[in-house]
Amino acid sequence: MARRIPLTPEDLADALAELPDWAGDVHGIHRRTKGIDFRTAAAHVLALAAVADDLDHHPDVEISYGNLTVHLLTHAVDAVTGLDVEFARRADELLAAQLDEDA
């Protein structure tokens, strides 16, 4: 999957099937983690910063009461690309590891 080429709706549907906590369409995908305390959400954002720098791809992140939401879109092509899917996979791995540590 080319990193910065827009995904077709079919390719995105296949990718989202492997990322059950993510939703969206070819115009952007997002994941909302509910019931997360502020400190854990902030730690996750810091961990995501390393992924963002590694991939040279930066998400929109929102922390609100009990929620952390990550939005992904490759702005250069105004669509979801393989880069967004790669970021989503890595974000899921990080959050799972952090929640396991906190348990």
PDB file of N, CA and C in Angstrom:
ATOM      1  N   MET A   1       0.860  -1.178   0.000  1.00  0.00           N
ATOM      2  CA  MET A   1       0.000   0.000   0.000  1.00  0.00           C
ATOM      3  C   MET A   1       0.900   1.234   0.000  1.00  0.00           C
ATOM      4  N   ALA A   2       0.790   2.052  -1.019  1.00  0.00           N
ATOM      5  CA  ALA A   2       1.606   3.261  -1.099  1.00  0.00           C
ATOM      6  C   ALA A   2       1.215   4.215   0.013  1.00  0.00           C
ATOM      7  N   ARG A   3       2.212   4.835   0.577  1.00  0.00           N
ATOM      8  CA  ARG A   3       1.969   5.606   1.791  1.00  0.00           C
ATOM      9  C   ARG A   3       1.142   6.863   1.597  1.00  0.00           C
ATOM     10  N   ARG A   4       1.330   7.600   0.524  1.00  0.00           N
ATOM     11  CA  ARG A   4       0.619   8.873   0.381  1.00  0.00           C
ATOM     12  C   ARG A   4      -0.317   8.910  -0.827  1.00  0.00           C
ATOM     13  N   ILE A   5      -0.807   7.751  -1.218  1.00  0.00           N
ATOM     14  CA  ILE A   5      -1.792   7.665  -2.293  1.00  0.00           C
ATOM     15  C   ILE A   5      -3.157   7.423  -1.644  1.00  0.00           C
ATOM     16  N   PRO A   6      -4.179   8.212  -2.015  1.00  0.00           N
ATOM     17  CA  PRO A   6      -5.495   8.036  -1.397  1.00  0.00           C
ATOM     18  C   PRO A   6      -6.004   6.602  -1.523  1.00  0.00           C
ATOM     19  N   LEU A   7      -6.576   6.098  -0.444  1.00  0.00           N
ATOM     20  CA  LEU A   7      -7.174   4.772  -0.457  1.00  0.00           C
ATOM     21  C   LEU A   7      -8.538   4.831  -1.122  1.00  0.00           C
ATOM     22  N   THR A   8      -8.875   3.759  -1.808  1.00  0.00           N
ATOM     23  CA  THR A   8     -10.237   3.641  -2.337  1.00  0.00           C
ATOM     24  C   THR A   8     -11.154   3.315  -1.167  1.00  0.00           C
ATOM     25  N   PRO A   9     -12.445   3.535  -1.323  1.00  0.00           N
ATOM     26  CA  PRO A   9     -13.368   3.148  -0.247  1.00  0.00           C
ATOM     27  C   PRO A   9     -13.244   1.664   0.115  1.00  0.00           C
ATOM     28  N   GLU A  10     -13.002   0.817  -0.869  1.00  0.00           N
ATOM     29  CA  GLU A  10     -12.861  -0.614  -0.606  1.00  0.00           C
ATOM     30  C   GLU A  10     -11.599  -0.899   0.204  1.00  0.00           C
ATOM     31  N   ASP A  11     -10.474  -0.279  -0.183  1.00  0.00           N
ATOM     32  CA  ASP A  11      -9.224  -0.476   0.554  1.00  0.00           C
ATOM     33  C   ASP A  11      -9.358   0.030   1.985  1.00  0.00           C
ATOM     34  N   LEU A  12     -10.023   1.155   2.154  1.00  0.00           N
ATOM     35  CA  LEU A  12     -10.215   1.688   3.501  1.00  0.00           C
ATOM     36  C   LEU A  12     -11.105   0.765   4.323  1.00  0.00           C
ATOM     37  N   ALA A  13     -12.154   0.232   3.731  1.00  0.00           N
ATOM     38  CA  ALA A  13     -13.033  -0.701   4.448  1.00  0.00           C
ATOM     39  C   ALA A  13     -12.245  -1.925   4.912  1.00  0.00           C
ATOM     40  N   ASP A  14     -11.365  -2.428   4.064  1.00  0.00           N
ATOM     41  CA  ASP A  14     -10.525  -3.569   4.445  1.00  0.00           C
ATOM     42  C   ASP A  14      -9.612  -3.193   5.613  1.00  0.00           C
ATOM     43  N   ALA A  15      -9.017  -2.007   5.545  1.00  0.00           N
ATOM     44  CA  ALA A  15      -8.117  -1.558   6.618  1.00  0.00           C
ATOM     45  C   ALA A  15      -8.877  -1.374   7.920  1.00  0.00           C
ATOM     46  N   LEU A  16     -10.059  -0.760   7.856  1.00  0.00           N
ATOM     47  CA  LEU A  16     -10.844  -0.532   9.069  1.00  0.00           C
ATOM     48  C   LEU A  16     -11.349  -1.839   9.677  1.00  0.00           C
ATOM     49  N   ALA A  17     -11.513  -2.863   8.856  1.00  0.00           N
ATOM     50  CA  ALA A  17     -11.916  -4.167   9.383  1.00  0.00           C
ATOM     51  C   ALA A  17     -10.831  -4.720  10.308  1.00  0.00           C
ATOM     52  N   GLU A  18      -9.584  -4.337  10.071  1.00  0.00           N
ATOM     53  CA  GLU A  18      -8.470  -4.763  10.913  1.00  0.00           C
ATOM     54  C   GLU A  18      -8.200  -3.777  12.049  1.00  0.00           C
ATOM     55  N   LEU A  19      -8.913  -2.668  12.057  1.00  0.00           N
ATOM     56  CA  LEU A  19      -8.766  -1.626  13.089  1.00  0.00           C
ATOM     57  C   LEU A  19     -10.146  -1.349  13.687  1.00  0.00           C
ATOM     58  N   PRO A  20     -10.674  -2.281  14.488  1.00  0.00           N
ATOM     59  CA  PRO A  20     -12.070  -2.176  14.929  1.00  0.00           C
ATOM     60  C   PRO A  20     -12.396  -0.958  15.793  1.00  0.00           C
ATOM     61  N   ASP A  21     -11.380  -0.315  16.381  1.00  0.00           N
ATOM     62  CA  ASP A  21     -11.653   0.858  17.213  1.00  0.00           C
ATOM     63  C   ASP A  21     -11.666   2.157  16.407  1.00  0.00           C
ATOM     64  N   TRP A  22     -11.417   2.056  15.100  1.00  0.00           N
ATOM     65  CA  TRP A  22     -11.373   3.228  14.226  1.00  0.00           C
ATOM     66  C   TRP A  22     -12.613   3.263  13.349  1.00  0.00           C
ATOM     67  N   ALA A  23     -13.027   4.478  12.993  1.00  0.00           N
ATOM     68  CA  ALA A  23     -14.172   4.674  12.108  1.00  0.00           C
ATOM     69  C   ALA A  23     -13.873   5.840  11.182  1.00  0.00           C
ATOM     70  N   GLY A  24     -14.681   5.985  10.174  1.00  0.00           N
ATOM     71  CA  GLY A  24     -14.530   7.115   9.276  1.00  0.00           C
ATOM     72  C   GLY A  24     -14.726   6.706   7.841  1.00  0.00           C
ATOM     73  N   ASP A  25     -14.260   7.569   6.957  1.00  0.00           N
ATOM     74  CA  ASP A  25     -14.371   7.322   5.523  1.00  0.00           C
ATOM     75  C   ASP A  25     -13.121   7.865   4.850  1.00  0.00           C
ATOM     76  N   VAL A  26     -13.131   7.933   3.533  1.00  0.00           N
ATOM     77  CA  VAL A  26     -11.921   8.349   2.810  1.00  0.00           C
ATOM     78  C   VAL A  26     -11.522   9.796   3.111  1.00  0.00           C
ATOM     79  N   HIS A  27     -12.384  10.532   3.792  1.00  0.00           N
ATOM     80  CA  HIS A  27     -12.086  11.930   4.140  1.00  0.00           C
ATOM     81  C   HIS A  27     -11.480  12.073   5.529  1.00  0.00           C
ATOM     82  N   GLY A  28     -11.303  10.959   6.239  1.00  0.00           N
ATOM     83  CA  GLY A  28     -10.681  10.999   7.555  1.00  0.00           C
ATOM     84  C   GLY A  28     -11.139   9.839   8.420  1.00  0.00           C
ATOM     85  N   ILE A  29     -10.221   9.376   9.268  1.00  0.00           N
ATOM     86  CA  ILE A  29     -10.569   8.329  10.219  1.00  0.00           C
ATOM     87  C   ILE A  29     -10.277   8.831  11.623  1.00  0.00           C
ATOM     88  N   HIS A  30     -10.956   8.235  12.586  1.00  0.00           N
ATOM     89  CA  HIS A  30     -10.773   8.675  13.969  1.00  0.00           C
ATOM     90  C   HIS A  30     -10.978   7.506  14.927  1.00  0.00           C
ATOM     91  N   ARG A  31     -10.390   7.677  16.091  1.00  0.00           N
ATOM     92  CA  ARG A  31     -10.582   6.728  17.190  1.00  0.00           C
ATOM     93  C   ARG A  31     -10.842   7.537  18.456  1.00  0.00           C
ATOM     94  N   ARG A  32     -11.908   7.182  19.157  1.00  0.00           N
ATOM     95  CA  ARG A  32     -12.198   7.813  20.447  1.00  0.00           C
ATOM     96  C   ARG A  32     -12.054   6.753  21.521  1.00  0.00           C
ATOM     97  N   THR A  33     -11.207   7.040  22.493  1.00  0.00           N
ATOM     98  CA  THR A  33     -11.038   6.166  23.635  1.00  0.00           C
ATOM     99  C   THR A  33     -11.775   6.811  24.794  1.00  0.00           C
ATOM    100  N   LYS A  34     -12.788   6.132  25.298  1.00  0.00           N
ATOM    101  CA  LYS A  34     -13.622   6.676  26.364  1.00  0.00           C
ATOM    102  C   LYS A  34     -13.177   6.117  27.705  1.00  0.00           C
ATOM    103  N   GLY A  35     -13.467   6.867  28.753  1.00  0.00           N
ATOM    104  CA  GLY A  35     -13.173   6.419  30.101  1.00  0.00           C
ATOM    105  C   GLY A  35     -11.690   6.414  30.427  1.00  0.00           C
ATOM    106  N   ILE A  36     -10.961   7.299  29.809  1.00  0.00           N
ATOM    107  CA  ILE A  36      -9.518   7.386  30.016  1.00  0.00           C
ATOM    108  C   ILE A  36      -9.241   8.620  30.884  1.00  0.00           C
ATOM    109  N   ASP A  37      -8.392   8.455  31.900  1.00  0.00           N
ATOM    110  CA  ASP A  37      -8.120   9.621  32.742  1.00  0.00           C
ATOM    111  C   ASP A  37      -7.162  10.573  32.018  1.00  0.00           C
ATOM    112  N   PHE A  38      -7.146  11.796  32.480  1.00  0.00           N
ATOM    113  CA  PHE A  38      -6.391  12.842  31.789  1.00  0.00           C
ATOM    114  C   PHE A  38      -4.903  12.520  31.718  1.00  0.00           C
ATOM    115  N   ARG A  39      -4.333  12.028  32.789  1.00  0.00           N
ATOM    116  CA  ARG A  39      -2.901  11.723  32.811  1.00  0.00           C
ATOM    117  C   ARG A  39      -2.556  10.646  31.770  1.00  0.00           C
ATOM    118  N   THR A  40      -3.376   9.608  31.669  1.00  0.00           N
ATOM    119  CA  THR A  40      -3.147   8.553  30.685  1.00  0.00           C
ATOM    120  C   THR A  40      -3.310   9.100  29.271  1.00  0.00           C
ATOM    121  N   ALA A  41      -4.315   9.939  29.067  1.00  0.00           N
ATOM    122  CA  ALA A  41      -4.517  10.547  27.746  1.00  0.00           C
ATOM    123  C   ALA A  41      -3.310  11.400  27.354  1.00  0.00           C
ATOM    124  N   ALA A  42      -2.817  12.202  28.288  1.00  0.00           N
ATOM    125  CA  ALA A  42      -1.660  13.051  27.997  1.00  0.00           C
ATOM    126  C   ALA A  42      -0.422  12.207  27.711  1.00  0.00           C
ATOM    127  N   ALA A  43      -0.234  11.128  28.452  1.00  0.00           N
ATOM    128  CA  ALA A  43       0.904  10.239  28.207  1.00  0.00           C
ATOM    129  C   ALA A  43       0.799   9.605  26.825  1.00  0.00           C
ATOM    130  N   HIS A  44      -0.413   9.252  26.440  1.00  0.00           N
ATOM    131  CA  HIS A  44      -0.607   8.663  25.117  1.00  0.00           C
ATOM    132  C   HIS A  44      -0.276   9.673  24.019  1.00  0.00           C
ATOM    133  N   VAL A  45      -0.676  10.918  24.214  1.00  0.00           N
ATOM    134  CA  VAL A  45      -0.367  11.955  23.229  1.00  0.00           C
ATOM    135  C   VAL A  45       1.153  12.122  23.102  1.00  0.00           C
ATOM    136  N   LEU A  46       1.861  12.096  24.213  1.00  0.00           N
ATOM    137  CA  LEU A  46       3.326  12.192  24.147  1.00  0.00           C
ATOM    138  C   LEU A  46       3.926  11.001  23.400  1.00  0.00           C
ATOM    139  N   ALA A  47       3.397   9.811  23.630  1.00  0.00           N
ATOM    140  CA  ALA A  47       3.877   8.640  22.899  1.00  0.00           C
ATOM    141  C   ALA A  47       3.557   8.765  21.411  1.00  0.00           C
ATOM    142  N   LEU A  48       2.388   9.296  21.097  1.00  0.00           N
ATOM    143  CA  LEU A  48       2.021   9.501  19.692  1.00  0.00           C
ATOM    144  C   LEU A  48       2.938  10.509  19.011  1.00  0.00           C
ATOM    145  N   ALA A  49       3.466  11.449  19.774  1.00  0.00           N
ATOM    146  CA  ALA A  49       4.376  12.440  19.191  1.00  0.00           C
ATOM    147  C   ALA A  49       5.606  11.761  18.596  1.00  0.00           C
ATOM    148  N   ALA A  50       6.095  10.723  19.250  1.00  0.00           N
ATOM    149  CA  ALA A  50       7.250  10.000  18.722  1.00  0.00           C
ATOM    150  C   ALA A  50       6.885   9.296  17.413  1.00  0.00           C
ATOM    151  N   VAL A  51       5.704   8.710  17.359  1.00  0.00           N
ATOM    152  CA  VAL A  51       5.244   8.061  16.127  1.00  0.00           C
ATOM    153  C   VAL A  51       5.086   9.110  15.028  1.00  0.00           C
ATOM    154  N   ALA A  52       4.502  10.237  15.376  1.00  0.00           N
ATOM    155  CA  ALA A  52       4.301  11.315  14.404  1.00  0.00           C
ATOM    156  C   ALA A  52       5.630  11.772  13.809  1.00  0.00           C
ATOM    157  N   ASP A  53       6.614  11.945  14.657  1.00  0.00           N
ATOM    158  CA  ASP A  53       7.913  12.372  14.151  1.00  0.00           C
ATOM    159  C   ASP A  53       8.554  11.276  13.313  1.00  0.00           C
ATOM    160  N   ASP A  54       8.427  10.010  13.749  1.00  0.00           N
ATOM    161  CA  ASP A  54       9.008   8.895  13.014  1.00  0.00           C
ATOM    162  C   ASP A  54       8.400   8.771  11.618  1.00  0.00           C
ATOM    163  N   LEU A  55       7.082   8.940  11.514  1.00  0.00           N
ATOM    164  CA  LEU A  55       6.398   8.812  10.232  1.00  0.00           C
ATOM    165  C   LEU A  55       6.328  10.125   9.459  1.00  0.00           C
ATOM    166  N   ASP A  56       6.743  11.226  10.087  1.00  0.00           N
ATOM    167  CA  ASP A  56       6.578  12.564   9.511  1.00  0.00           C
ATOM    168  C   ASP A  56       5.116  12.772   9.100  1.00  0.00           C
ATOM    169  N   HIS A  57       4.239  12.446  10.052  1.00  0.00           N
ATOM    170  CA  HIS A  57       2.796  12.507   9.818  1.00  0.00           C
ATOM    171  C   HIS A  57       2.153  12.835  11.159  1.00  0.00           C
ATOM    172  N   HIS A  58       1.383  13.892  11.214  1.00  0.00           N
ATOM    173  CA  HIS A  58       0.928  14.415  12.497  1.00  0.00           C
ATOM    174  C   HIS A  58      -0.595  14.443  12.574  1.00  0.00           C
ATOM    175  N   PRO A  59      -1.153  13.751  13.568  1.00  0.00           N
ATOM    176  CA  PRO A  59      -2.607  13.675  13.705  1.00  0.00           C
ATOM    177  C   PRO A  59      -3.169  14.907  14.399  1.00  0.00           C
ATOM    178  N   ASP A  60      -4.467  15.035  14.323  1.00  0.00           N
ATOM    179  CA  ASP A  60      -5.183  15.983  15.165  1.00  0.00           C
ATOM    180  C   ASP A  60      -5.627  15.192  16.388  1.00  0.00           C
ATOM    181  N   VAL A  61      -5.372  15.739  17.564  1.00  0.00           N
ATOM    182  CA  VAL A  61      -5.659  15.044  18.815  1.00  0.00           C
ATOM    183  C   VAL A  61      -6.514  15.948  19.690  1.00  0.00           C
ATOM    184  N   GLU A  62      -7.495  15.345  20.338  1.00  0.00           N
ATOM    185  CA  GLU A  62      -8.368  16.093  21.250  1.00  0.00           C
ATOM    186  C   GLU A  62      -8.497  15.318  22.552  1.00  0.00           C
ATOM    187  N   ILE A  63      -8.227  16.016  23.651  1.00  0.00           N
ATOM    188  CA  ILE A  63      -8.478  15.447  24.972  1.00  0.00           C
ATOM    189  C   ILE A  63      -9.642  16.227  25.564  1.00  0.00           C
ATOM    190  N   SER A  64     -10.678  15.497  25.942  1.00  0.00           N
ATOM    191  CA  SER A  64     -11.809  16.106  26.626  1.00  0.00           C
ATOM    192  C   SER A  64     -12.144  15.219  27.815  1.00  0.00           C
ATOM    193  N   TYR A  65     -13.055  15.648  28.623  1.00  0.00           N
ATOM    194  CA  TYR A  65     -13.363  14.932  29.863  1.00  0.00           C
ATOM    195  C   TYR A  65     -13.593  13.447  29.605  1.00  0.00           C
ATOM    196  N   GLY A  66     -12.653  12.620  30.051  1.00  0.00           N
ATOM    197  CA  GLY A  66     -12.796  11.180  29.941  1.00  0.00           C
ATOM    198  C   GLY A  66     -12.598  10.601  28.550  1.00  0.00           C
ATOM    199  N   ASN A  67     -12.151  11.412  27.601  1.00  0.00           N
ATOM    200  CA  ASN A  67     -12.021  10.953  26.220  1.00  0.00           C
ATOM    201  C   ASN A  67     -10.706  11.418  25.598  1.00  0.00           C
ATOM    202  N   LEU A  68     -10.189  10.574  24.725  1.00  0.00           N
ATOM    203  CA  LEU A  68      -9.058  10.937  23.875  1.00  0.00           C
ATOM    204  C   LEU A  68      -9.465  10.593  22.455  1.00  0.00           C
ATOM    205  N   THR A  69      -9.426  11.553  21.558  1.00  0.00           N
ATOM    206  CA  THR A  69      -9.794  11.318  20.165  1.00  0.00           C
ATOM    207  C   THR A  69      -8.615  11.659  19.276  1.00  0.00           C
ATOM    208  N   VAL A  70      -8.306  10.737  18.374  1.00  0.00           N
ATOM    209  CA  VAL A  70      -7.231  10.922  17.398  1.00  0.00           C
ATOM    210  C   VAL A  70      -7.875  10.927  16.015  1.00  0.00           C
ATOM    211  N   HIS A  71      -7.605  11.974  15.241  1.00  0.00           N
ATOM    212  CA  HIS A  71      -8.126  12.118  13.880  1.00  0.00           C
ATOM    213  C   HIS A  71      -6.956  12.025  12.909  1.00  0.00           C
ATOM    214  N   LEU A  72      -7.134  11.248  11.841  1.00  0.00           N
ATOM    215  CA  LEU A  72      -6.081  11.082  10.847  1.00  0.00           C
ATOM    216  C   LEU A  72      -6.595  11.387   9.449  1.00  0.00           C
ATOM    217  N   LEU A  73      -5.768  12.100   8.702  1.00  0.00           N
ATOM    218  CA  LEU A  73      -6.021  12.445   7.308  1.00  0.00           C
ATOM    219  C   LEU A  73      -4.694  12.907   6.736  1.00  0.00           C
ATOM    220  N   THR A  74      -4.369  12.488   5.542  1.00  0.00           N
ATOM    221  CA  THR A  74      -3.168  12.997   4.884  1.00  0.00           C
ATOM    222  C   THR A  74      -3.560  14.282   4.170  1.00  0.00           C
ATOM    223  N   HIS A  75      -3.224  15.404   4.795  1.00  0.00           N
ATOM    224  CA  HIS A  75      -3.671  16.704   4.295  1.00  0.00           C
ATOM    225  C   HIS A  75      -3.131  17.017   2.901  1.00  0.00           C
ATOM    226  N   ALA A  76      -1.948  16.523   2.574  1.00  0.00           N
ATOM    227  CA  ALA A  76      -1.342  16.818   1.271  1.00  0.00           C
ATOM    228  C   ALA A  76      -2.198  16.317   0.108  1.00  0.00           C
ATOM    229  N   VAL A  77      -2.966  15.248   0.341  1.00  0.00           N
ATOM    230  CA  VAL A  77      -3.837  14.714  -0.709  1.00  0.00           C
ATOM    231  C   VAL A  77      -5.307  14.789  -0.317  1.00  0.00           C
ATOM    232  N   ASP A  78      -5.589  15.353   0.862  1.00  0.00           N
ATOM    233  CA  ASP A  78      -6.950  15.531   1.370  1.00  0.00           C
ATOM    234  C   ASP A  78      -7.745  14.225   1.347  1.00  0.00           C
ATOM    235  N   ALA A  79      -7.083  13.159   1.817  1.00  0.00           N
ATOM    236  CA  ALA A  79      -7.719  11.847   1.830  1.00  0.00           C
ATOM    237  C   ALA A  79      -6.978  10.946   2.810  1.00  0.00           C
ATOM    238  N   VAL A  80      -7.579   9.818   3.134  1.00  0.00           N
ATOM    239  CA  VAL A  80      -6.924   8.803   3.950  1.00  0.00           C
ATOM    240  C   VAL A  80      -5.994   8.002   3.043  1.00  0.00           C
ATOM    241  N   THR A  81      -4.785   7.770   3.533  1.00  0.00           N
ATOM    242  CA  THR A  81      -3.778   7.023   2.783  1.00  0.00           C
ATOM    243  C   THR A  81      -3.237   5.879   3.638  1.00  0.00           C
ATOM    244  N   GLY A  82      -2.334   5.117   3.055  1.00  0.00           N
ATOM    245  CA  GLY A  82      -1.677   4.054   3.797  1.00  0.00           C
ATOM    246  C   GLY A  82      -0.915   4.579   4.994  1.00  0.00           C
ATOM    247  N   LEU A  83      -0.444   5.795   4.918  1.00  0.00           N
ATOM    248  CA  LEU A  83       0.256   6.410   6.038  1.00  0.00           C
ATOM    249  C   LEU A  83      -0.672   6.566   7.245  1.00  0.00           C
ATOM    250  N   ASP A  84      -1.909   6.944   6.998  1.00  0.00           N
ATOM    251  CA  ASP A  84      -2.884   7.066   8.089  1.00  0.00           C
ATOM    252  C   ASP A  84      -3.163   5.704   8.720  1.00  0.00           C
ATOM    253  N   VAL A  85      -3.274   4.684   7.883  1.00  0.00           N
ATOM    254  CA  VAL A  85      -3.533   3.332   8.387  1.00  0.00           C
ATOM    255  C   VAL A  85      -2.341   2.854   9.216  1.00  0.00           C
ATOM    256  N   GLU A  86      -1.137   3.110   8.738  1.00  0.00           N
ATOM    257  CA  GLU A  86       0.055   2.729   9.498  1.00  0.00           C
ATOM    258  C   GLU A  86       0.089   3.447  10.847  1.00  0.00           C
ATOM    259  N   PHE A  87      -0.236   4.730  10.846  1.00  0.00           N
ATOM    260  CA  PHE A  87      -0.267   5.495  12.092  1.00  0.00           C
ATOM    261  C   PHE A  87      -1.322   4.908  13.036  1.00  0.00           C
ATOM    262  N   ALA A  88      -2.489   4.585  12.509  1.00  0.00           N
ATOM    263  CA  ALA A  88      -3.563   4.034  13.340  1.00  0.00           C
ATOM    264  C   ALA A  88      -3.128   2.723  13.989  1.00  0.00           C
ATOM    265  N   ARG A  89      -2.474   1.867  13.246  1.00  0.00           N
ATOM    266  CA  ARG A  89      -2.000   0.595  13.806  1.00  0.00           C
ATOM    267  C   ARG A  89      -1.012   0.841  14.950  1.00  0.00           C
ATOM    268  N   ARG A  90      -0.089   1.746  14.721  1.00  0.00           N
ATOM    269  CA  ARG A  90       0.908   2.030  15.747  1.00  0.00           C
ATOM    270  C   ARG A  90       0.272   2.696  16.959  1.00  0.00           C
ATOM    271  N   ALA A  91      -0.709   3.550  16.735  1.00  0.00           N
ATOM    272  CA  ALA A  91      -1.422   4.194  17.843  1.00  0.00           C
ATOM    273  C   ALA A  91      -2.146   3.147  18.682  1.00  0.00           C
ATOM    274  N   ASP A  92      -2.769   2.176  18.028  1.00  0.00           N
ATOM    275  CA  ASP A  92      -3.460   1.104  18.755  1.00  0.00           C
ATOM    276  C   ASP A  92      -2.482   0.312  19.615  1.00  0.00           C
ATOM    277  N   GLU A  93      -1.317  -0.012  19.070  1.00  0.00           N
ATOM    278  CA  GLU A  93      -0.302  -0.757  19.822  1.00  0.00           C
ATOM    279  C   GLU A  93       0.141   0.028  21.053  1.00  0.00           C
ATOM    280  N   LEU A  94       0.364   1.326  20.872  1.00  0.00           N
ATOM    281  CA  LEU A  94       0.787   2.165  21.996  1.00  0.00           C
ATOM    282  C   LEU A  94      -0.274   2.239  23.079  1.00  0.00           C
ATOM    283  N   LEU A  95      -1.505   2.463  22.692  1.00  0.00           N
ATOM    284  CA  LEU A  95      -2.566   2.601  23.687  1.00  0.00           C
ATOM    285  C   LEU A  95      -2.761   1.286  24.436  1.00  0.00           C
ATOM    286  N   ALA A  96      -2.720   0.182  23.722  1.00  0.00           N
ATOM    287  CA  ALA A  96      -2.880  -1.118  24.387  1.00  0.00           C
ATOM    288  C   ALA A  96      -1.764  -1.330  25.402  1.00  0.00           C
ATOM    289  N   ALA A  97      -0.537  -0.998  25.035  1.00  0.00           N
ATOM    290  CA  ALA A  97       0.597  -1.162  25.950  1.00  0.00           C
ATOM    291  C   ALA A  97       0.453  -0.256  27.165  1.00  0.00           C
ATOM    292  N   GLN A  98       0.020   0.992  26.943  1.00  0.00           N
ATOM    293  CA  GLN A  98      -0.121   1.923  28.062  1.00  0.00           C
ATOM    294  C   GLN A  98      -1.248   1.491  28.992  1.00  0.00           C
ATOM    295  N   LEU A  99      -2.355   1.028  28.451  1.00  0.00           N
ATOM    296  CA  LEU A  99      -3.456   0.604  29.302  1.00  0.00           C
ATOM    297  C   LEU A  99      -3.095  -0.647  30.076  1.00  0.00           C
ATOM    298  N   ASP A 100      -2.291  -1.533  29.482  1.00  0.00           N
ATOM    299  CA  ASP A 100      -1.816  -2.720  30.207  1.00  0.00           C
ATOM    300  C   ASP A 100      -0.916  -2.313  31.377  1.00  0.00           C
ATOM    301  N   GLU A 101      -0.074  -1.307  31.173  1.00  0.00           N
ATOM    302  CA  GLU A 101       0.811  -0.828  32.243  1.00  0.00           C
ATOM    303  C   GLU A 101       0.017  -0.245  33.389  1.00  0.00           C
ATOM    304  N   ASP A 102      -1.081   0.435  33.074  1.00  0.00           N
ATOM    305  CA  ASP A 102      -1.884   1.108  34.095  1.00  0.00           C
ATOM    306  C   ASP A 102      -2.787   0.128  34.846  1.00  0.00           C
ATOM    307  N   ALA A 103      -2.996  -1.063  34.287  1.00  0.00           N
ATOM    308  CA  ALA A 103      -3.919  -2.026  34.910  1.00  0.00           C
ATOM    309  C   ALA A 103      -3.299  -2.661  36.145  1.00  0.00           C
TER     310      ALA A 103
END
